[in-house]
Each structure stands twice: as structure tokens, then as C-alpha cells.
Amino acid sequence: YDKSKGQLEDITDDYIGKLRRGAEIKKRKEVSLMPALTPKWAKERYHVGTSSVKVDALEYLPQEMEYLLQEMKTERQHIKDARPAAFVTFNDRASANSAATSLQAYDETTWRMQPAPHSDEVIWGNLSMRYKQRVMRSLGMWLLFIAILVFYLPITAAIQMEYLLQEMKTERQHIKDARPAAFVTFNDRASANSAA
């Protein structure tokens, strides 16, 4: 928006200067619209196809500014409606710690103060979630976790127990099939030496 506004101001200042000096405006300034960079509304209005098109700058720039202004208004409206969070910076750690640990309102759910995470750790899309929505999502995740524990864990434990019982039976069978070794105990050394 600012770039288009600056271009439009430069062109109008140039034209006004020429008219004050009594100079003739021989050729009006044009803007080149390239297919890859031109917005959809301009492609339809000025019939931009596969090649670039030159249009009058005094005609195009005000329309572009109007389009960009509408885009900014809608974006601002989305931002106002969707962001119930704020980031506050402090000059020192003592002030930040004081703000983070003090009670801001009687209802503890009204304000939630905590040290700011690193900007890479923030999930920017989740800033629009309200407190109740976060609680409901957390409750839903806990219910899902409990459901997995109740339904999945016993089935897995039963299958594992059956497998272990089969392993124990095969090991017991191997022990029975093996030749037993004879163990003899002697009470004194003399009888042990004579048996050897």
C-alpha cells in the first residue's frame, strides 16, 4: 500500500510541476503488469494473459490502493476478533517477574500470566483459542487417553500374557525332554574323594 501510495504521489507531483511550468505532458506514465505478479482482480480488469500489459499509472494505482486498503481492513478485523493474547516486554527481569507472579484480577481465569516462550515455540494459530476452548480440548485429550487405557491396554495385556504362557510351556517341555543331570552331595571330604 505504501509503495503504491508513494508511486502515485510521485506521479501526481510530477504532473502538477509540469502543469505549473506550462509544460505539456506528452506521454503519461505507465505501469507494467506481469502475469505472475499481478493480483487476480487486475488480471480480470486489464486482461493480463501470458504476456505483460502496460496500463496508465493514474488509473491503475488508485484502484490497487483501494484493493489493498480493503484487504488490510479485512485482515485487521480478523486479527481483532481472533487474538485474545498479548505479549508484553519489560526492561528488566524484576519487573517481568513481578508482573508474572502478581494477581491481576479476582478471577484467576481472566488473566493468565507466564514468562514468554521463545518465538519458535509459539504456535501462532492457537493464540485465537479462548480459555474454555483450551479446557475442552484438554478434557477431550484426557478422555481419549483414559479410553485407550480402558480398551486397548487390557487387550494388549491379554495377548502378551497368552504369548508368555506359550513360551513358558515350550520352555517347560524343553526342560522335561532334556537328560537330567545327577547331583550327589557328600557330608564329608573323605567320602567325596573316595567316590571320585
C-alpha atoms as a PDB file:
ATOM      1  CA  TYR A   1       0.000   0.000   0.000  1.00  0.00           C
ATOM      2  CA  ASP A   2       2.736   2.452   0.982  1.00  0.00           C
ATOM      3  CA  LYS A   3       4.704   1.635  -2.162  1.00  0.00           C
ATOM      4  CA  SER A   4       1.679   2.296  -4.409  1.00  0.00           C
ATOM      5  CA  LYS A   5       0.872   5.455  -2.479  1.00  0.00           C
ATOM      6  CA  GLY A   6       4.432   6.704  -2.907  1.00  0.00           C
ATOM      7  CA  GLN A   7       4.387   5.984  -6.649  1.00  0.00           C
ATOM      8  CA  LEU A   8       1.057   7.773  -7.057  1.00  0.00           C
ATOM      9  CA  GLU A   9       2.295  10.813  -5.115  1.00  0.00           C
ATOM     10  CA  ASP A  10       5.459  10.978  -7.238  1.00  0.00           C
ATOM     11  CA  ILE A  11       3.477  10.819 -10.487  1.00  0.00           C
ATOM     12  CA  THR A  12       0.940  13.456  -9.411  1.00  0.00           C
ATOM     13  CA  ASP A  13       3.730  15.754  -8.142  1.00  0.00           C
ATOM     14  CA  ASP A  14       5.497  15.360 -11.499  1.00  0.00           C
ATOM     15  CA  TYR A  15       2.329  16.166 -13.451  1.00  0.00           C
ATOM     16  CA  ILE A  16       1.465  19.140 -11.209  1.00  0.00           C
ATOM     17  CA  GLY A  17       5.004  20.513 -11.579  1.00  0.00           C
ATOM     18  CA  LYS A  18       4.820  20.239 -15.381  1.00  0.00           C
ATOM     19  CA  LEU A  19       1.407  21.919 -15.487  1.00  0.00           C
ATOM     20  CA  ARG A  20       2.606  24.811 -13.276  1.00  0.00           C
ATOM     21  CA  ARG A  21       5.576  25.388 -15.545  1.00  0.00           C
ATOM     22  CA  GLY A  22       3.295  25.319 -18.552  1.00  0.00           C
ATOM     23  CA  ALA A  23       4.982  22.230 -19.957  1.00  0.00           C
ATOM     24  CA  GLU A  24       2.989  19.780 -21.975  1.00  0.00           C
ATOM     25  CA  ILE A  25       2.537  16.207 -20.706  1.00  0.00           C
ATOM     26  CA  LYS A  26       3.481  14.303 -23.832  1.00  0.00           C
ATOM     27  CA  LYS A  27       3.330  10.758 -22.501  1.00  0.00           C
ATOM     28  CA  ARG A  28       1.556   9.576 -19.399  1.00  0.00           C
ATOM     29  CA  LYS A  29       3.432   7.202 -17.112  1.00  0.00           C
ATOM     30  CA  GLU A  30       2.527   3.551 -17.381  1.00  0.00           C
ATOM     31  CA  VAL A  31       2.720   0.600 -15.051  1.00  0.00           C
ATOM     32  CA  SER A  32       3.715  -2.793 -16.404  1.00  0.00           C
ATOM     33  CA  LEU A  33       1.543  -5.667 -15.146  1.00  0.00           C
ATOM     34  CA  MET A  34       3.336  -9.011 -15.264  1.00  0.00           C
ATOM     35  CA  PRO A  35       1.196 -12.194 -15.237  1.00  0.00           C
ATOM     36  CA  ALA A  36       2.956 -13.857 -12.298  1.00  0.00           C
ATOM     37  CA  LEU A  37       2.893 -10.786 -10.033  1.00  0.00           C
ATOM     38  CA  THR A  38      -0.458  -9.226 -10.919  1.00  0.00           C
ATOM     39  CA  PRO A  39      -3.361  -9.748  -8.479  1.00  0.00           C
ATOM     40  CA  LYS A  40      -6.445 -11.585  -9.712  1.00  0.00           C
ATOM     41  CA  TRP A  41      -8.691  -8.502  -9.822  1.00  0.00           C
ATOM     42  CA  ALA A  42      -6.181  -6.644 -12.066  1.00  0.00           C
ATOM     43  CA  LYS A  43      -5.772  -9.637 -14.394  1.00  0.00           C
ATOM     44  CA  GLU A  44      -9.521  -9.707 -14.992  1.00  0.00           C
ATOM     45  CA  ARG A  45      -9.888  -5.941 -15.372  1.00  0.00           C
ATOM     46  CA  TYR A  46      -6.919  -5.329 -17.660  1.00  0.00           C
ATOM     47  CA  HIS A  47      -6.980  -8.692 -19.466  1.00  0.00           C
ATOM     48  CA  VAL A  48      -3.500  -9.791 -18.430  1.00  0.00           C
ATOM     49  CA  GLY A  49      -2.755 -13.114 -20.079  1.00  0.00           C
ATOM     50  CA  THR A  50       0.605 -14.750 -20.603  1.00  0.00           C
ATOM     51  CA  SER A  51       2.455 -11.555 -21.515  1.00  0.00           C
ATOM     52  CA  SER A  52       2.858  -8.304 -19.605  1.00  0.00           C
ATOM     53  CA  VAL A  53       0.441  -5.434 -20.208  1.00  0.00           C
ATOM     54  CA  LYS A  54       1.135  -1.712 -19.781  1.00  0.00           C
ATOM     55  CA  VAL A  55      -1.633   0.387 -18.222  1.00  0.00           C
ATOM     56  CA  ASP A  56      -1.962   4.041 -17.256  1.00  0.00           C
ATOM     57  CA  ALA A  57      -0.452   4.577 -13.797  1.00  0.00           C
ATOM     58  CA  LEU A  58      -3.040   7.213 -12.758  1.00  0.00           C
ATOM     59  CA  GLU A  59      -5.796   4.722 -13.484  1.00  0.00           C
ATOM     60  CA  TYR A  60      -4.187   1.600 -12.005  1.00  0.00           C
ATOM     61  CA  LEU A  61      -2.521   2.852  -8.792  1.00  0.00           C
ATOM     62  CA  PRO A  62      -5.689   4.281  -7.100  1.00  0.00           C
ATOM     63  CA  GLN A  63      -7.531   1.031  -7.839  1.00  0.00           C
ATOM     64  CA  GLU A  64      -4.641  -1.002  -6.439  1.00  0.00           C
ATOM     65  CA  MET A  65      -4.589   1.162  -3.316  1.00  0.00           C
ATOM     66  CA  GLU A  66      -8.324   0.707  -2.841  1.00  0.00           C
ATOM     67  CA  TYR A  67      -7.979  -3.075  -3.210  1.00  0.00           C
ATOM     68  CA  LEU A  68      -5.065  -3.195  -0.754  1.00  0.00           C
ATOM     69  CA  LEU A  69      -6.941  -0.999   1.717  1.00  0.00           C
ATOM     70  CA  GLN A  70      -9.894  -3.407   1.665  1.00  0.00           C
ATOM     71  CA  GLU A  71      -7.505  -6.338   2.183  1.00  0.00           C
ATOM     72  CA  MET A  72      -5.898  -4.588   5.164  1.00  0.00           C
ATOM     73  CA  LYS A  73      -9.310  -3.827   6.707  1.00  0.00           C
ATOM     74  CA  THR A  74     -10.454  -7.438   6.472  1.00  0.00           C
ATOM     75  CA  GLU A  75      -7.126  -8.676   7.842  1.00  0.00           C
ATOM     76  CA  ARG A  76      -7.305  -6.230  10.749  1.00  0.00           C
ATOM     77  CA  GLN A  77     -10.842  -7.378  11.505  1.00  0.00           C
ATOM     78  CA  HIS A  78      -9.669 -10.998  11.659  1.00  0.00           C
ATOM     79  CA  ILE A  79      -6.807 -10.017  13.935  1.00  0.00           C
ATOM     80  CA  LYS A  80      -9.078  -8.021  16.279  1.00  0.00           C
ATOM     81  CA  ASP A  81     -11.575 -10.868  16.560  1.00  0.00           C
ATOM     82  CA  ALA A  82      -9.155 -13.754  16.848  1.00  0.00           C
ATOM     83  CA  ARG A  83      -6.342 -12.788  19.204  1.00  0.00           C
ATOM     84  CA  PRO A  84      -7.164 -12.693  22.923  1.00  0.00           C
ATOM     85  CA  ALA A  85      -3.451 -12.782  23.826  1.00  0.00           C
ATOM     86  CA  ALA A  86      -0.791 -10.154  24.290  1.00  0.00           C
ATOM     87  CA  PHE A  87       2.963 -10.117  24.566  1.00  0.00           C
ATOM     88  CA  VAL A  88       4.412  -7.559  26.925  1.00  0.00           C
ATOM     89  CA  THR A  89       8.117  -6.793  27.178  1.00  0.00           C
ATOM     90  CA  PHE A  90       9.837  -5.357  30.226  1.00  0.00           C
ATOM     91  CA  ASN A  91      13.108  -3.502  30.719  1.00  0.00           C
ATOM     92  CA  ASP A  92      14.357  -5.826  33.456  1.00  0.00           C
ATOM     93  CA  ARG A  93      13.721  -9.294  34.867  1.00  0.00           C
ATOM     94  CA  ALA A  94      12.455  -7.987  38.193  1.00  0.00           C
ATOM     95  CA  SER A  95       9.538  -6.175  36.531  1.00  0.00           C
ATOM     96  CA  ALA A  96       8.728  -9.194  34.380  1.00  0.00           C
ATOM     97  CA  ASN A  97       8.817 -11.495  37.405  1.00  0.00           C
ATOM     98  CA  SER A  98       6.620  -9.112  39.387  1.00  0.00           C
ATOM     99  CA  ALA A  99       4.031  -8.978  36.605  1.00  0.00           C
ATOM    100  CA  ALA A 100       4.097 -12.748  36.059  1.00  0.00           C
ATOM    101  CA  THR A 101       3.573 -13.612  39.740  1.00  0.00           C
ATOM    102  CA  SER A 102       1.089 -10.931  40.809  1.00  0.00           C
ATOM    103  CA  LEU A 103      -2.675 -11.402  40.801  1.00  0.00           C
ATOM    104  CA  GLN A 104      -4.176  -9.200  38.066  1.00  0.00           C
ATOM    105  CA  ALA A 105      -7.878  -9.851  38.786  1.00  0.00           C
ATOM    106  CA  TYR A 106     -10.023 -11.629  41.371  1.00  0.00           C
ATOM    107  CA  ASP A 107     -10.963 -14.290  38.821  1.00  0.00           C
ATOM    108  CA  GLU A 108      -7.793 -16.247  38.136  1.00  0.00           C
ATOM    109  CA  THR A 109      -9.059 -17.374  34.727  1.00  0.00           C
ATOM    110  CA  THR A 110      -9.379 -13.769  33.482  1.00  0.00           C
ATOM    111  CA  TRP A 111      -5.644 -13.181  33.159  1.00  0.00           C
ATOM    112  CA  ARG A 112      -3.034 -15.850  32.764  1.00  0.00           C
ATOM    113  CA  MET A 113       0.463 -14.526  33.258  1.00  0.00           C
ATOM    114  CA  GLN A 114       3.555 -16.543  32.455  1.00  0.00           C
ATOM    115  CA  PRO A 115       7.032 -15.936  31.081  1.00  0.00           C
ATOM    116  CA  ALA A 116       7.037 -15.693  27.308  1.00  0.00           C
ATOM    117  CA  PRO A 117       8.295 -18.695  25.344  1.00  0.00           C
ATOM    118  CA  HIS A 118      10.805 -18.380  22.553  1.00  0.00           C
ATOM    119  CA  SER A 119       9.190 -17.218  19.294  1.00  0.00           C
ATOM    120  CA  ASP A 120       9.938 -20.582  17.646  1.00  0.00           C
ATOM    121  CA  GLU A 121       7.926 -22.360  20.348  1.00  0.00           C
ATOM    122  CA  VAL A 122       4.750 -20.318  19.838  1.00  0.00           C
ATOM    123  CA  ILE A 123       2.007 -21.937  17.768  1.00  0.00           C
ATOM    124  CA  TRP A 124       0.633 -18.716  16.335  1.00  0.00           C
ATOM    125  CA  GLY A 125      -2.583 -20.302  15.051  1.00  0.00           C
ATOM    126  CA  ASN A 126      -3.565 -21.367  18.576  1.00  0.00           C
ATOM    127  CA  LEU A 127      -3.453 -17.849  20.015  1.00  0.00           C
ATOM    128  CA  SER A 128      -7.075 -17.367  19.000  1.00  0.00           C
ATOM    129  CA  MET A 129      -8.314 -20.142  21.312  1.00  0.00           C
ATOM    130  CA  ARG A 130     -10.347 -18.997  24.298  1.00  0.00           C
ATOM    131  CA  TYR A 131      -9.828 -20.378  27.807  1.00  0.00           C
ATOM    132  CA  LYS A 132     -12.954 -22.575  27.651  1.00  0.00           C
ATOM    133  CA  GLN A 133     -11.881 -23.982  24.292  1.00  0.00           C
ATOM    134  CA  ARG A 134      -8.469 -24.904  25.717  1.00  0.00           C
ATOM    135  CA  VAL A 135     -10.116 -26.580  28.722  1.00  0.00           C
ATOM    136  CA  MET A 136     -12.484 -28.535  26.461  1.00  0.00           C
ATOM    137  CA  ARG A 137      -9.623 -29.705  24.241  1.00  0.00           C
ATOM    138  CA  SER A 138      -7.597 -30.736  27.272  1.00  0.00           C
ATOM    139  CA  LEU A 139     -10.580 -32.616  28.687  1.00  0.00           C
ATOM    140  CA  GLY A 140     -11.110 -34.329  25.335  1.00  0.00           C
ATOM    141  CA  MET A 141      -7.496 -35.463  25.228  1.00  0.00           C
ATOM    142  CA  TRP A 142      -7.724 -36.852  28.775  1.00  0.00           C
ATOM    143  CA  LEU A 143     -10.908 -38.749  27.876  1.00  0.00           C
ATOM    144  CA  LEU A 144      -9.184 -40.185  24.807  1.00  0.00           C
ATOM    145  CA  PHE A 145      -6.206 -41.229  26.946  1.00  0.00           C
ATOM    146  CA  ILE A 146      -8.474 -42.941  29.503  1.00  0.00           C
ATOM    147  CA  ALA A 147     -10.420 -44.683  26.719  1.00  0.00           C
ATOM    148  CA  ILE A 148      -7.158 -46.044  25.301  1.00  0.00           C
ATOM    149  CA  LEU A 149      -6.159 -47.269  28.751  1.00  0.00           C
ATOM    150  CA  VAL A 150      -9.522 -48.930  29.372  1.00  0.00           C
ATOM    151  CA  PHE A 151      -9.994 -50.591  25.969  1.00  0.00           C
ATOM    152  CA  TYR A 152      -6.568 -51.027  24.388  1.00  0.00           C
ATOM    153  CA  LEU A 153      -4.397 -51.865  27.402  1.00  0.00           C
ATOM    154  CA  PRO A 154      -6.347 -54.971  28.626  1.00  0.00           C
ATOM    155  CA  ILE A 155      -6.450 -56.446  25.110  1.00  0.00           C
ATOM    156  CA  THR A 156      -2.724 -55.900  24.646  1.00  0.00           C
ATOM    157  CA  ALA A 157      -2.010 -57.324  28.118  1.00  0.00           C
ATOM    158  CA  ALA A 158      -4.123 -60.444  27.393  1.00  0.00           C
ATOM    159  CA  ILE A 159      -2.351 -61.074  24.093  1.00  0.00           C
ATOM    160  CA  GLN A 160       1.052 -60.601  25.733  1.00  0.00           C
ATOM    161  CA  MET A 161       0.074 -62.922  28.612  1.00  0.00           C
ATOM    162  CA  GLU A 162      -1.035 -65.622  26.167  1.00  0.00           C
ATOM    163  CA  TYR A 163       2.260 -65.321  24.295  1.00  0.00           C
ATOM    164  CA  LEU A 164       4.282 -65.565  27.524  1.00  0.00           C
ATOM    165  CA  LEU A 165       2.301 -68.614  28.669  1.00  0.00           C
ATOM    166  CA  GLN A 166       3.044 -70.351  25.359  1.00  0.00           C
ATOM    167  CA  GLU A 167       6.735 -69.520  25.757  1.00  0.00           C
ATOM    168  CA  MET A 168       6.730 -70.915  29.305  1.00  0.00           C
ATOM    169  CA  LYS A 169       5.058 -74.150  28.128  1.00  0.00           C
ATOM    170  CA  THR A 170       7.649 -74.675  25.405  1.00  0.00           C
ATOM    171  CA  GLU A 171      10.487 -73.976  27.866  1.00  0.00           C
ATOM    172  CA  ARG A 172       8.984 -76.445  30.374  1.00  0.00           C
ATOM    173  CA  GLN A 173       8.742 -79.063  27.617  1.00  0.00           C
ATOM    174  CA  HIS A 174      12.404 -78.495  26.690  1.00  0.00           C
ATOM    175  CA  ILE A 175      13.395 -78.947  30.328  1.00  0.00           C
ATOM    176  CA  LYS A 176      11.421 -82.211  30.592  1.00  0.00           C
ATOM    177  CA  ASP A 177      12.914 -83.552  27.366  1.00  0.00           C
ATOM    178  CA  ALA A 178      16.484 -82.809  28.416  1.00  0.00           C
ATOM    179  CA  ARG A 179      18.505 -85.548  30.218  1.00  0.00           C
ATOM    180  CA  PRO A 180      18.550 -84.862  33.897  1.00  0.00           C
ATOM    181  CA  ALA A 181      21.992 -84.483  35.434  1.00  0.00           C
ATOM    182  CA  ALA A 182      22.814 -86.369  38.627  1.00  0.00           C
ATOM    183  CA  PHE A 183      23.830 -84.349  41.609  1.00  0.00           C
ATOM    184  CA  VAL A 184      25.302 -86.106  44.571  1.00  0.00           C
ATOM    185  CA  THR A 185      26.067 -84.441  47.853  1.00  0.00           C
ATOM    186  CA  PHE A 186      28.564 -85.694  50.395  1.00  0.00           C
ATOM    187  CA  ASN A 187      28.738 -84.835  54.033  1.00  0.00           C
ATOM    188  CA  ASP A 188      32.485 -85.040  54.356  1.00  0.00           C
ATOM    189  CA  ARG A 189      35.528 -84.659  52.129  1.00  0.00           C
ATOM    190  CA  ALA A 190      36.808 -88.161  52.574  1.00  0.00           C
ATOM    191  CA  SER A 191      33.706 -89.799  51.043  1.00  0.00           C
ATOM    192  CA  ALA A 192      33.752 -87.254  48.177  1.00  0.00           C
ATOM    193  CA  ASN A 193      37.374 -88.145  47.382  1.00  0.00           C
ATOM    194  CA  SER A 194      36.691 -91.892  47.521  1.00  0.00           C
ATOM    195  CA  ALA A 195      33.698 -91.568  45.143  1.00  0.00           C
ATOM    196  CA  ALA A 196      35.772 -89.700  42.611  1.00  0.00           C
END
